[in-house]
Amino acid sequence: MTSRAVAAMIFFATAPHADAGAVADTEALAIVSKHCVMCHAAKPAHESFREAPKGIILESVDDLRKHAATIYAQTVQIRAMPLGNQTDMSENDRAALGQWLKELP
């Protein structure tokens, strides 16, 4: 693991969410809808994709739960997604999504 990845893990493990409370399913889905669904949809809106990359569709809370480990790794830990941060995902959105993912049963 690179020192950058370790630093990101420490930052997100300690970074407070703006509300510092539980993150609702609707909030997590809203974040993903804003930043991920243009590519990760049954019919992607992003011009570069005819189908969801790696077959990962993120249109429902059940989809988020199904792909929780991948979302956490790619979006919160290593910050590779959204690709090139094309949708300007904020640190607060990453922290909130990470908190929601960590709280899943």
PDB file of N, CA and C in Angstrom:
ATOM      1  N   MET A   1       0.855  -1.175   0.000  1.00  0.00           N
ATOM      2  CA  MET A   1       0.000   0.000   0.000  1.00  0.00           C
ATOM      3  C   MET A   1       0.902   1.239   0.000  1.00  0.00           C
ATOM      4  N   THR A   2       0.562   2.208  -0.817  1.00  0.00           N
ATOM      5  CA  THR A   2       1.373   3.414  -0.907  1.00  0.00           C
ATOM      6  C   THR A   2       1.121   4.329   0.279  1.00  0.00           C
ATOM      7  N   SER A   3       2.079   5.220   0.514  1.00  0.00           N
ATOM      8  CA  SER A   3       1.909   6.162   1.627  1.00  0.00           C
ATOM      9  C   SER A   3       0.724   7.089   1.372  1.00  0.00           C
ATOM     10  N   ARG A   4       0.453   7.377   0.101  1.00  0.00           N
ATOM     11  CA  ARG A   4      -0.704   8.222  -0.228  1.00  0.00           C
ATOM     12  C   ARG A   4      -2.008   7.524   0.146  1.00  0.00           C
ATOM     13  N   ALA A   5      -2.088   6.217  -0.144  1.00  0.00           N
ATOM     14  CA  ALA A   5      -3.295   5.462   0.191  1.00  0.00           C
ATOM     15  C   ALA A   5      -3.475   5.389   1.705  1.00  0.00           C
ATOM     16  N   VAL A   6      -2.370   5.191   2.430  1.00  0.00           N
ATOM     17  CA  VAL A   6      -2.437   5.149   3.891  1.00  0.00           C
ATOM     18  C   VAL A   6      -2.892   6.500   4.430  1.00  0.00           C
ATOM     19  N   ALA A   7      -2.347   7.574   3.885  1.00  0.00           N
ATOM     20  CA  ALA A   7      -2.734   8.918   4.330  1.00  0.00           C
ATOM     21  C   ALA A   7      -4.215   9.162   4.062  1.00  0.00           C
ATOM     22  N   ALA A   8      -4.700   8.725   2.908  1.00  0.00           N
ATOM     23  CA  ALA A   8      -6.121   8.900   2.579  1.00  0.00           C
ATOM     24  C   ALA A   8      -6.991   8.106   3.547  1.00  0.00           C
ATOM     25  N   MET A   9      -6.562   6.886   3.880  1.00  0.00           N
ATOM     26  CA  MET A   9      -7.339   6.067   4.814  1.00  0.00           C
ATOM     27  C   MET A   9      -7.398   6.739   6.181  1.00  0.00           C
ATOM     28  N   ILE A  10      -6.276   7.285   6.642  1.00  0.00           N
ATOM     29  CA  ILE A  10      -6.249   7.960   7.942  1.00  0.00           C
ATOM     30  C   ILE A  10      -7.131   9.194   7.905  1.00  0.00           C
ATOM     31  N   PHE A  11      -7.032   9.978   6.818  1.00  0.00           N
ATOM     32  CA  PHE A  11      -7.830  11.189   6.702  1.00  0.00           C
ATOM     33  C   PHE A  11      -9.314  10.868   6.771  1.00  0.00           C
ATOM     34  N   PHE A  12      -9.754   9.897   5.988  1.00  0.00           N
ATOM     35  CA  PHE A  12     -11.175   9.601   5.940  1.00  0.00           C
ATOM     36  C   PHE A  12     -11.666   8.882   7.179  1.00  0.00           C
ATOM     37  N   ALA A  13     -10.784   8.173   7.849  1.00  0.00           N
ATOM     38  CA  ALA A  13     -11.196   7.519   9.093  1.00  0.00           C
ATOM     39  C   ALA A  13     -11.417   8.543  10.196  1.00  0.00           C
ATOM     40  N   THR A  14     -10.714   9.674  10.104  1.00  0.00           N
ATOM     41  CA  THR A  14     -10.811  10.680  11.153  1.00  0.00           C
ATOM     42  C   THR A  14     -11.585  11.920  10.739  1.00  0.00           C
ATOM     43  N   ALA A  15     -11.852  12.084   9.457  1.00  0.00           N
ATOM     44  CA  ALA A  15     -12.548  13.278   8.985  1.00  0.00           C
ATOM     45  C   ALA A  15     -14.007  13.247   9.416  1.00  0.00           C
ATOM     46  N   PRO A  16     -14.469  14.291  10.073  1.00  0.00           N
ATOM     47  CA  PRO A  16     -15.869  14.314  10.494  1.00  0.00           C
ATOM     48  C   PRO A  16     -16.781  14.636   9.324  1.00  0.00           C
ATOM     49  N   HIS A  17     -17.931  14.042   9.323  1.00  0.00           N
ATOM     50  CA  HIS A  17     -18.968  14.402   8.358  1.00  0.00           C
ATOM     51  C   HIS A  17     -19.558  15.723   8.826  1.00  0.00           C
ATOM     52  N   ALA A  18     -19.964  16.528   7.904  1.00  0.00           N
ATOM     53  CA  ALA A  18     -20.471  17.859   8.232  1.00  0.00           C
ATOM     54  C   ALA A  18     -21.560  17.808   9.310  1.00  0.00           C
ATOM     55  N   ASP A  19     -22.425  16.817   9.258  1.00  0.00           N
ATOM     56  CA  ASP A  19     -23.508  16.708  10.230  1.00  0.00           C
ATOM     57  C   ASP A  19     -23.121  15.864  11.437  1.00  0.00           C
ATOM     58  N   ALA A  20     -22.034  15.116  11.337  1.00  0.00           N
ATOM     59  CA  ALA A  20     -21.523  14.250  12.398  1.00  0.00           C
ATOM     60  C   ALA A  20     -22.566  13.283  12.940  1.00  0.00           C
ATOM     61  N   GLY A  21     -23.633  13.047  12.208  1.00  0.00           N
ATOM     62  CA  GLY A  21     -24.651  12.085  12.614  1.00  0.00           C
ATOM     63  C   GLY A  21     -24.734  10.969  11.610  1.00  0.00           C
ATOM     64  N   ALA A  22     -25.716  10.126  11.806  1.00  0.00           N
ATOM     65  CA  ALA A  22     -25.921   9.022  10.874  1.00  0.00           C
ATOM     66  C   ALA A  22     -26.293   9.575   9.502  1.00  0.00           C
ATOM     67  N   VAL A  23     -25.832   8.888   8.486  1.00  0.00           N
ATOM     68  CA  VAL A  23     -26.134   9.276   7.116  1.00  0.00           C
ATOM     69  C   VAL A  23     -27.294   8.410   6.637  1.00  0.00           C
ATOM     70  N   ALA A  24     -28.347   9.037   6.163  1.00  0.00           N
ATOM     71  CA  ALA A  24     -29.536   8.322   5.709  1.00  0.00           C
ATOM     72  C   ALA A  24     -29.289   7.673   4.349  1.00  0.00           C
ATOM     73  N   ASP A  25     -30.031   6.606   4.094  1.00  0.00           N
ATOM     74  CA  ASP A  25     -29.963   5.943   2.792  1.00  0.00           C
ATOM     75  C   ASP A  25     -30.212   6.943   1.663  1.00  0.00           C
ATOM     76  N   THR A  26     -31.180   7.831   1.862  1.00  0.00           N
ATOM     77  CA  THR A  26     -31.515   8.799   0.816  1.00  0.00           C
ATOM     78  C   THR A  26     -30.357   9.753   0.535  1.00  0.00           C
ATOM     79  N   GLU A  27     -29.608  10.114   1.579  1.00  0.00           N
ATOM     80  CA  GLU A  27     -28.456  10.997   1.380  1.00  0.00           C
ATOM     81  C   GLU A  27     -27.349  10.276   0.607  1.00  0.00           C
ATOM     82  N   ALA A  28     -27.076   9.031   0.978  1.00  0.00           N
ATOM     83  CA  ALA A  28     -26.059   8.245   0.269  1.00  0.00           C
ATOM     84  C   ALA A  28     -26.454   8.077  -1.197  1.00  0.00           C
ATOM     85  N   LEU A  29     -27.707   7.757  -1.437  1.00  0.00           N
ATOM     86  CA  LEU A  29     -28.175   7.578  -2.812  1.00  0.00           C
ATOM     87  C   LEU A  29     -28.111   8.893  -3.592  1.00  0.00           C
ATOM     88  N   ALA A  30     -28.412  10.004  -2.941  1.00  0.00           N
ATOM     89  CA  ALA A  30     -28.330  11.307  -3.609  1.00  0.00           C
ATOM     90  C   ALA A  30     -26.891  11.625  -4.014  1.00  0.00           C
ATOM     91  N   ILE A  31     -25.937  11.310  -3.148  1.00  0.00           N
ATOM     92  CA  ILE A  31     -24.528  11.545  -3.462  1.00  0.00           C
ATOM     93  C   ILE A  31     -24.112  10.708  -4.672  1.00  0.00           C
ATOM     94  N   VAL A  32     -24.476   9.436  -4.642  1.00  0.00           N
ATOM     95  CA  VAL A  32     -24.115   8.543  -5.742  1.00  0.00           C
ATOM     96  C   VAL A  32     -24.848   8.949  -7.028  1.00  0.00           C
ATOM     97  N   SER A  33     -26.087   9.361  -6.912  1.00  0.00           N
ATOM     98  CA  SER A  33     -26.839   9.809  -8.092  1.00  0.00           C
ATOM     99  C   SER A  33     -26.170  11.021  -8.737  1.00  0.00           C
ATOM    100  N   LYS A  34     -25.675  11.917  -7.913  1.00  0.00           N
ATOM    101  CA  LYS A  34     -25.028  13.132  -8.411  1.00  0.00           C
ATOM    102  C   LYS A  34     -23.665  12.846  -9.041  1.00  0.00           C
ATOM    103  N   HIS A  35     -22.914  11.924  -8.460  1.00  0.00           N
ATOM    104  CA  HIS A  35     -21.517  11.756  -8.855  1.00  0.00           C
ATOM    105  C   HIS A  35     -21.182  10.473  -9.614  1.00  0.00           C
ATOM    106  N   CYS A  36     -22.048   9.472  -9.581  1.00  0.00           N
ATOM    107  CA  CYS A  36     -21.671   8.166 -10.120  1.00  0.00           C
ATOM    108  C   CYS A  36     -22.601   7.617 -11.206  1.00  0.00           C
ATOM    109  N   VAL A  37     -23.871   7.939 -11.101  1.00  0.00           N
ATOM    110  CA  VAL A  37     -24.873   7.293 -11.949  1.00  0.00           C
ATOM    111  C   VAL A  37     -24.775   7.688 -13.422  1.00  0.00           C
ATOM    112  N   MET A  38     -24.147   8.799 -13.718  1.00  0.00           N
ATOM    113  CA  MET A  38     -24.028   9.152 -15.136  1.00  0.00           C
ATOM    114  C   MET A  38     -23.261   8.068 -15.900  1.00  0.00           C
ATOM    115  N   CYS A  39     -22.387   7.333 -15.207  1.00  0.00           N
ATOM    116  CA  CYS A  39     -21.659   6.218 -15.818  1.00  0.00           C
ATOM    117  C   CYS A  39     -22.200   4.868 -15.346  1.00  0.00           C
ATOM    118  N   HIS A  40     -22.496   4.776 -14.051  1.00  0.00           N
ATOM    119  CA  HIS A  40     -22.895   3.504 -13.450  1.00  0.00           C
ATOM    120  C   HIS A  40     -24.416   3.379 -13.405  1.00  0.00           C
ATOM    121  N   ALA A  41     -24.991   3.294 -14.600  1.00  0.00           N
ATOM    122  CA  ALA A  41     -26.444   3.146 -14.762  1.00  0.00           C
ATOM    123  C   ALA A  41     -26.716   2.048 -15.779  1.00  0.00           C
ATOM    124  N   ALA A  42     -27.934   1.547 -15.767  1.00  0.00           N
ATOM    125  CA  ALA A  42     -28.318   0.549 -16.763  1.00  0.00           C
ATOM    126  C   ALA A  42     -28.147   1.133 -18.170  1.00  0.00           C
ATOM    127  N   LYS A  43     -28.430   2.424 -18.294  1.00  0.00           N
ATOM    128  CA  LYS A  43     -28.228   3.147 -19.559  1.00  0.00           C
ATOM    129  C   LYS A  43     -27.452   4.422 -19.227  1.00  0.00           C
ATOM    130  N   PRO A  44     -26.119   4.351 -19.221  1.00  0.00           N
ATOM    131  CA  PRO A  44     -25.308   5.502 -18.829  1.00  0.00           C
ATOM    132  C   PRO A  44     -25.579   6.742 -19.685  1.00  0.00           C
ATOM    133  N   ALA A  45     -25.597   7.891 -19.023  1.00  0.00           N
ATOM    134  CA  ALA A  45     -25.775   9.163 -19.722  1.00  0.00           C
ATOM    135  C   ALA A  45     -24.432   9.708 -20.226  1.00  0.00           C
ATOM    136  N   HIS A  46     -23.333   9.241 -19.645  1.00  0.00           N
ATOM    137  CA  HIS A  46     -22.002   9.702 -20.044  1.00  0.00           C
ATOM    138  C   HIS A  46     -21.720   9.229 -21.462  1.00  0.00           C
ATOM    139  N   GLU A  47     -21.249  10.125 -22.284  1.00  0.00           N
ATOM    140  CA  GLU A  47     -21.028   9.834 -23.704  1.00  0.00           C
ATOM    141  C   GLU A  47     -19.974   8.755 -23.956  1.00  0.00           C
ATOM    142  N   SER A  48     -19.121   8.492 -23.005  1.00  0.00           N
ATOM    143  CA  SER A  48     -18.041   7.513 -23.193  1.00  0.00           C
ATOM    144  C   SER A  48     -18.454   6.069 -22.928  1.00  0.00           C
ATOM    145  N   PHE A  49     -19.645   5.866 -22.371  1.00  0.00           N
ATOM    146  CA  PHE A  49     -20.036   4.516 -21.983  1.00  0.00           C
ATOM    147  C   PHE A  49     -21.374   4.114 -22.592  1.00  0.00           C
ATOM    148  N   ARG A  50     -21.388   2.902 -23.147  1.00  0.00           N
ATOM    149  CA  ARG A  50     -22.632   2.329 -23.656  1.00  0.00           C
ATOM    150  C   ARG A  50     -23.270   1.437 -22.598  1.00  0.00           C
ATOM    151  N   GLU A  51     -22.428   0.967 -21.655  1.00  0.00           N
ATOM    152  CA  GLU A  51     -22.911   0.168 -20.527  1.00  0.00           C
ATOM    153  C   GLU A  51     -22.089   0.544 -19.311  1.00  0.00           C
ATOM    154  N   ALA A  52     -22.595   0.208 -18.146  1.00  0.00           N
ATOM    155  CA  ALA A  52     -21.927   0.574 -16.892  1.00  0.00           C
ATOM    156  C   ALA A  52     -20.544  -0.070 -16.820  1.00  0.00           C
ATOM    157  N   PRO A  53     -19.508   0.705 -16.485  1.00  0.00           N
ATOM    158  CA  PRO A  53     -18.173   0.142 -16.350  1.00  0.00           C
ATOM    159  C   PRO A  53     -18.164  -1.019 -15.348  1.00  0.00           C
ATOM    160  N   LYS A  54     -17.517  -2.106 -15.759  1.00  0.00           N
ATOM    161  CA  LYS A  54     -17.398  -3.328 -14.953  1.00  0.00           C
ATOM    162  C   LYS A  54     -18.756  -3.896 -14.553  1.00  0.00           C
ATOM    163  N   GLY A  55     -19.815  -3.467 -15.239  1.00  0.00           N
ATOM    164  CA  GLY A  55     -21.157  -3.961 -14.942  1.00  0.00           C
ATOM    165  C   GLY A  55     -21.710  -3.480 -13.620  1.00  0.00           C
ATOM    166  N   ILE A  56     -21.100  -2.451 -13.049  1.00  0.00           N
ATOM    167  CA  ILE A  56     -21.534  -1.942 -11.743  1.00  0.00           C
ATOM    168  C   ILE A  56     -22.581  -0.851 -11.948  1.00  0.00           C
ATOM    169  N   ILE A  57     -23.801  -1.177 -11.581  1.00  0.00           N
ATOM    170  CA  ILE A  57     -24.924  -0.252 -11.672  1.00  0.00           C
ATOM    171  C   ILE A  57     -25.238   0.227 -10.262  1.00  0.00           C
ATOM    172  N   LEU A  58     -25.378   1.540 -10.110  1.00  0.00           N
ATOM    173  CA  LEU A  58     -25.567   2.141  -8.779  1.00  0.00           C
ATOM    174  C   LEU A  58     -26.812   3.029  -8.742  1.00  0.00           C
ATOM    175  N   GLU A  59     -27.936   2.474  -9.103  1.00  0.00           N
ATOM    176  CA  GLU A  59     -29.160   3.261  -9.197  1.00  0.00           C
ATOM    177  C   GLU A  59     -30.102   3.104  -7.998  1.00  0.00           C
ATOM    178  N   SER A  60     -29.800   2.210  -7.082  1.00  0.00           N
ATOM    179  CA  SER A  60     -30.675   2.008  -5.928  1.00  0.00           C
ATOM    180  C   SER A  60     -29.839   1.746  -4.677  1.00  0.00           C
ATOM    181  N   VAL A  61     -30.468   1.844  -3.526  1.00  0.00           N
ATOM    182  CA  VAL A  61     -29.782   1.544  -2.268  1.00  0.00           C
ATOM    183  C   VAL A  61     -29.323   0.083  -2.266  1.00  0.00           C
ATOM    184  N   ASP A  62     -30.123  -0.806  -2.823  1.00  0.00           N
ATOM    185  CA  ASP A  62     -29.719  -2.215  -2.908  1.00  0.00           C
ATOM    186  C   ASP A  62     -28.455  -2.364  -3.756  1.00  0.00           C
ATOM    187  N   ASP A  63     -28.369  -1.602  -4.849  1.00  0.00           N
ATOM    188  CA  ASP A  63     -27.153  -1.610  -5.670  1.00  0.00           C
ATOM    189  C   ASP A  63     -25.950  -1.137  -4.858  1.00  0.00           C
ATOM    190  N   LEU A  64     -26.138  -0.087  -4.068  1.00  0.00           N
ATOM    191  CA  LEU A  64     -25.042   0.440  -3.251  1.00  0.00           C
ATOM    192  C   LEU A  64     -24.579  -0.595  -2.241  1.00  0.00           C
ATOM    193  N   ARG A  65     -25.530  -1.272  -1.622  1.00  0.00           N
ATOM    194  CA  ARG A  65     -25.176  -2.314  -0.654  1.00  0.00           C
ATOM    195  C   ARG A  65     -24.424  -3.462  -1.340  1.00  0.00           C
ATOM    196  N   LYS A  66     -24.881  -3.847  -2.505  1.00  0.00           N
ATOM    197  CA  LYS A  66     -24.261  -4.944  -3.255  1.00  0.00           C
ATOM    198  C   LYS A  66     -22.802  -4.627  -3.588  1.00  0.00           C
ATOM    199  N   HIS A  67     -22.514  -3.379  -3.907  1.00  0.00           N
ATOM    200  CA  HIS A  67     -21.170  -2.979  -4.341  1.00  0.00           C
ATOM    201  C   HIS A  67     -20.444  -2.134  -3.285  1.00  0.00           C
ATOM    202  N   ALA A  68     -20.855  -2.248  -2.037  1.00  0.00           N
ATOM    203  CA  ALA A  68     -20.331  -1.392  -0.961  1.00  0.00           C
ATOM    204  C   ALA A  68     -18.812  -1.432  -0.855  1.00  0.00           C
ATOM    205  N   ALA A  69     -18.217  -2.602  -0.870  1.00  0.00           N
ATOM    206  CA  ALA A  69     -16.763  -2.709  -0.709  1.00  0.00           C
ATOM    207  C   ALA A  69     -16.034  -2.016  -1.855  1.00  0.00           C
ATOM    208  N   THR A  70     -16.521  -2.188  -3.066  1.00  0.00           N
ATOM    209  CA  THR A  70     -15.891  -1.558  -4.226  1.00  0.00           C
ATOM    210  C   THR A  70     -16.062  -0.050  -4.179  1.00  0.00           C
ATOM    211  N   ILE A  71     -17.251   0.414  -3.847  1.00  0.00           N
ATOM    212  CA  ILE A  71     -17.511   1.852  -3.757  1.00  0.00           C
ATOM    213  C   ILE A  71     -16.590   2.473  -2.710  1.00  0.00           C
ATOM    214  N   TYR A  72     -16.504   1.837  -1.557  1.00  0.00           N
ATOM    215  CA  TYR A  72     -15.674   2.376  -0.482  1.00  0.00           C
ATOM    216  C   TYR A  72     -14.213   2.460  -0.921  1.00  0.00           C
ATOM    217  N   ALA A  73     -13.708   1.382  -1.495  1.00  0.00           N
ATOM    218  CA  ALA A  73     -12.311   1.356  -1.922  1.00  0.00           C
ATOM    219  C   ALA A  73     -12.037   2.407  -2.993  1.00  0.00           C
ATOM    220  N   GLN A  74     -12.872   2.463  -4.009  1.00  0.00           N
ATOM    221  CA  GLN A  74     -12.619   3.327  -5.159  1.00  0.00           C
ATOM    222  C   GLN A  74     -12.939   4.797  -4.913  1.00  0.00           C
ATOM    223  N   THR A  75     -13.947   5.071  -4.093  1.00  0.00           N
ATOM    224  CA  THR A  75     -14.407   6.443  -3.901  1.00  0.00           C
ATOM    225  C   THR A  75     -13.856   7.092  -2.641  1.00  0.00           C
ATOM    226  N   VAL A  76     -13.748   6.319  -1.575  1.00  0.00           N
ATOM    227  CA  VAL A  76     -13.331   6.878  -0.291  1.00  0.00           C
ATOM    228  C   VAL A  76     -11.845   6.640  -0.029  1.00  0.00           C
ATOM    229  N   GLN A  77     -11.395   5.405  -0.199  1.00  0.00           N
ATOM    230  CA  GLN A  77     -10.012   5.105   0.152  1.00  0.00           C
ATOM    231  C   GLN A  77      -9.003   5.634  -0.866  1.00  0.00           C
ATOM    232  N   ILE A  78      -9.110   5.194  -2.116  1.00  0.00           N
ATOM    233  CA  ILE A  78      -8.084   5.608  -3.082  1.00  0.00           C
ATOM    234  C   ILE A  78      -8.520   6.774  -3.962  1.00  0.00           C
ATOM    235  N   ARG A  79      -9.774   7.142  -3.870  1.00  0.00           N
ATOM    236  CA  ARG A  79     -10.312   8.323  -4.545  1.00  0.00           C
ATOM    237  C   ARG A  79     -10.156   8.290  -6.068  1.00  0.00           C
ATOM    238  N   ALA A  80     -10.180   7.100  -6.641  1.00  0.00           N
ATOM    239  CA  ALA A  80     -10.077   6.955  -8.093  1.00  0.00           C
ATOM    240  C   ALA A  80     -11.393   7.308  -8.789  1.00  0.00           C
ATOM    241  N   MET A  81     -12.472   7.244  -8.048  1.00  0.00           N
ATOM    242  CA  MET A  81     -13.794   7.546  -8.592  1.00  0.00           C
ATOM    243  C   MET A  81     -14.374   8.738  -7.853  1.00  0.00           C
ATOM    244  N   PRO A  82     -15.164   9.518  -8.526  1.00  0.00           N
ATOM    245  CA  PRO A  82     -15.457   9.515  -9.950  1.00  0.00           C
ATOM    246  C   PRO A  82     -14.186   9.760 -10.764  1.00  0.00           C
ATOM    247  N   LEU A  83     -14.130   9.124 -11.902  1.00  0.00           N
ATOM    248  CA  LEU A  83     -12.967   9.177 -12.772  1.00  0.00           C
ATOM    249  C   LEU A  83     -12.551  10.621 -13.033  1.00  0.00           C
ATOM    250  N   GLY A  84     -11.332  10.951 -12.645  1.00  0.00           N
ATOM    251  CA  GLY A  84     -10.843  12.317 -12.830  1.00  0.00           C
ATOM    252  C   GLY A  84     -11.636  13.343 -12.041  1.00  0.00           C
ATOM    253  N   ASN A  85     -12.426  12.882 -11.105  1.00  0.00           N
ATOM    254  CA  ASN A  85     -13.346  13.725 -10.328  1.00  0.00           C
ATOM    255  C   ASN A  85     -14.115  14.689 -11.232  1.00  0.00           C
ATOM    256  N   GLN A  86     -14.597  14.156 -12.360  1.00  0.00           N
ATOM    257  CA  GLN A  86     -15.333  14.951 -13.349  1.00  0.00           C
ATOM    258  C   GLN A  86     -16.566  15.619 -12.776  1.00  0.00           C
ATOM    259  N   THR A  87     -17.134  15.049 -11.721  1.00  0.00           N
ATOM    260  CA  THR A  87     -18.357  15.614 -11.140  1.00  0.00           C
ATOM    261  C   THR A  87     -18.066  16.452  -9.900  1.00  0.00           C
ATOM    262  N   ASP A  88     -16.791  16.725  -9.651  1.00  0.00           N
ATOM    263  CA  ASP A  88     -16.379  17.564  -8.511  1.00  0.00           C
ATOM    264  C   ASP A  88     -16.928  17.065  -7.176  1.00  0.00           C
ATOM    265  N   MET A  89     -16.738  15.792  -6.901  1.00  0.00           N
ATOM    266  CA  MET A  89     -17.179  15.229  -5.624  1.00  0.00           C
ATOM    267  C   MET A  89     -16.386  15.895  -4.493  1.00  0.00           C
ATOM    268  N   SER A  90     -17.106  16.444  -3.540  1.00  0.00           N
ATOM    269  CA  SER A  90     -16.478  17.168  -2.433  1.00  0.00           C
ATOM    270  C   SER A  90     -15.977  16.207  -1.355  1.00  0.00           C
ATOM    271  N   GLU A  91     -15.114  16.725  -0.513  1.00  0.00           N
ATOM    272  CA  GLU A  91     -14.623  15.934   0.619  1.00  0.00           C
ATOM    273  C   GLU A  91     -15.775  15.581   1.564  1.00  0.00           C
ATOM    274  N   ASN A  92     -16.722  16.492   1.729  1.00  0.00           N
ATOM    275  CA  ASN A  92     -17.887  16.198   2.578  1.00  0.00           C
ATOM    276  C   ASN A  92     -18.712  15.055   2.008  1.00  0.00           C
ATOM    277  N   ASP A  93     -18.900  15.038   0.682  1.00  0.00           N
ATOM    278  CA  ASP A  93     -19.645  13.944   0.066  1.00  0.00           C
ATOM    279  C   ASP A  93     -18.905  12.623   0.225  1.00  0.00           C
ATOM    280  N   ARG A  94     -17.595  12.634   0.044  1.00  0.00           N
ATOM    281  CA  ARG A  94     -16.803  11.410   0.233  1.00  0.00           C
ATOM    282  C   ARG A  94     -16.905  10.923   1.683  1.00  0.00           C
ATOM    283  N   ALA A  95     -16.798  11.852   2.621  1.00  0.00           N
ATOM    284  CA  ALA A  95     -16.873  11.489   4.042  1.00  0.00           C
ATOM    285  C   ALA A  95     -18.254  10.932   4.391  1.00  0.00           C
ATOM    286  N   ALA A  96     -19.302  11.573   3.895  1.00  0.00           N
ATOM    287  CA  ALA A  96     -20.668  11.114   4.186  1.00  0.00           C
ATOM    288  C   ALA A  96     -20.907   9.734   3.576  1.00  0.00           C
ATOM    289  N   LEU A  97     -20.493   9.549   2.338  1.00  0.00           N
ATOM    290  CA  LEU A  97     -20.671   8.252   1.693  1.00  0.00           C
ATOM    291  C   LEU A  97     -19.856   7.186   2.426  1.00  0.00           C
ATOM    292  N   GLY A  98     -18.641   7.525   2.804  1.00  0.00           N
ATOM    293  CA  GLY A  98     -17.814   6.587   3.553  1.00  0.00           C
ATOM    294  C   GLY A  98     -18.441   6.215   4.880  1.00  0.00           C
ATOM    295  N   GLN A  99     -19.001   7.184   5.569  1.00  0.00           N
ATOM    296  CA  GLN A  99     -19.663   6.916   6.845  1.00  0.00           C
ATOM    297  C   GLN A  99     -20.850   5.988   6.634  1.00  0.00           C
ATOM    298  N   TRP A 100     -21.656   6.259   5.628  1.00  0.00           N
ATOM    299  CA  TRP A 100     -22.818   5.414   5.343  1.00  0.00           C
ATOM    300  C   TRP A 100     -22.364   3.984   5.055  1.00  0.00           C
ATOM    301  N   LEU A 101     -21.334   3.853   4.229  1.00  0.00           N
ATOM    302  CA  LEU A 101     -20.846   2.521   3.867  1.00  0.00           C
ATOM    303  C   LEU A 101     -20.304   1.770   5.082  1.00  0.00           C
ATOM    304  N   LYS A 102     -19.592   2.471   5.957  1.00  0.00           N
ATOM    305  CA  LYS A 102     -19.036   1.820   7.156  1.00  0.00           C
ATOM    306  C   LYS A 102     -20.124   1.391   8.119  1.00  0.00           C
ATOM    307  N   GLU A 103     -21.274   2.053   8.093  1.00  0.00           N
ATOM    308  CA  GLU A 103     -22.370   1.746   9.011  1.00  0.00           C
ATOM    309  C   GLU A 103     -23.298   0.649   8.505  1.00  0.00           C
ATOM    310  N   LEU A 104     -23.053   0.153   7.301  1.00  0.00           N
ATOM    311  CA  LEU A 104     -23.913  -0.909   6.778  1.00  0.00           C
ATOM    312  C   LEU A 104     -23.785  -2.167   7.640  1.00  0.00           C
ATOM    313  N   PRO A 105     -24.925  -2.839   7.831  1.00  0.00           N
ATOM    314  CA  PRO A 105     -24.891  -4.081   8.633  1.00  0.00           C
ATOM    315  C   PRO A 105     -24.130  -5.188   7.915  1.00  0.00           C
TER     316      PRO A 105
END
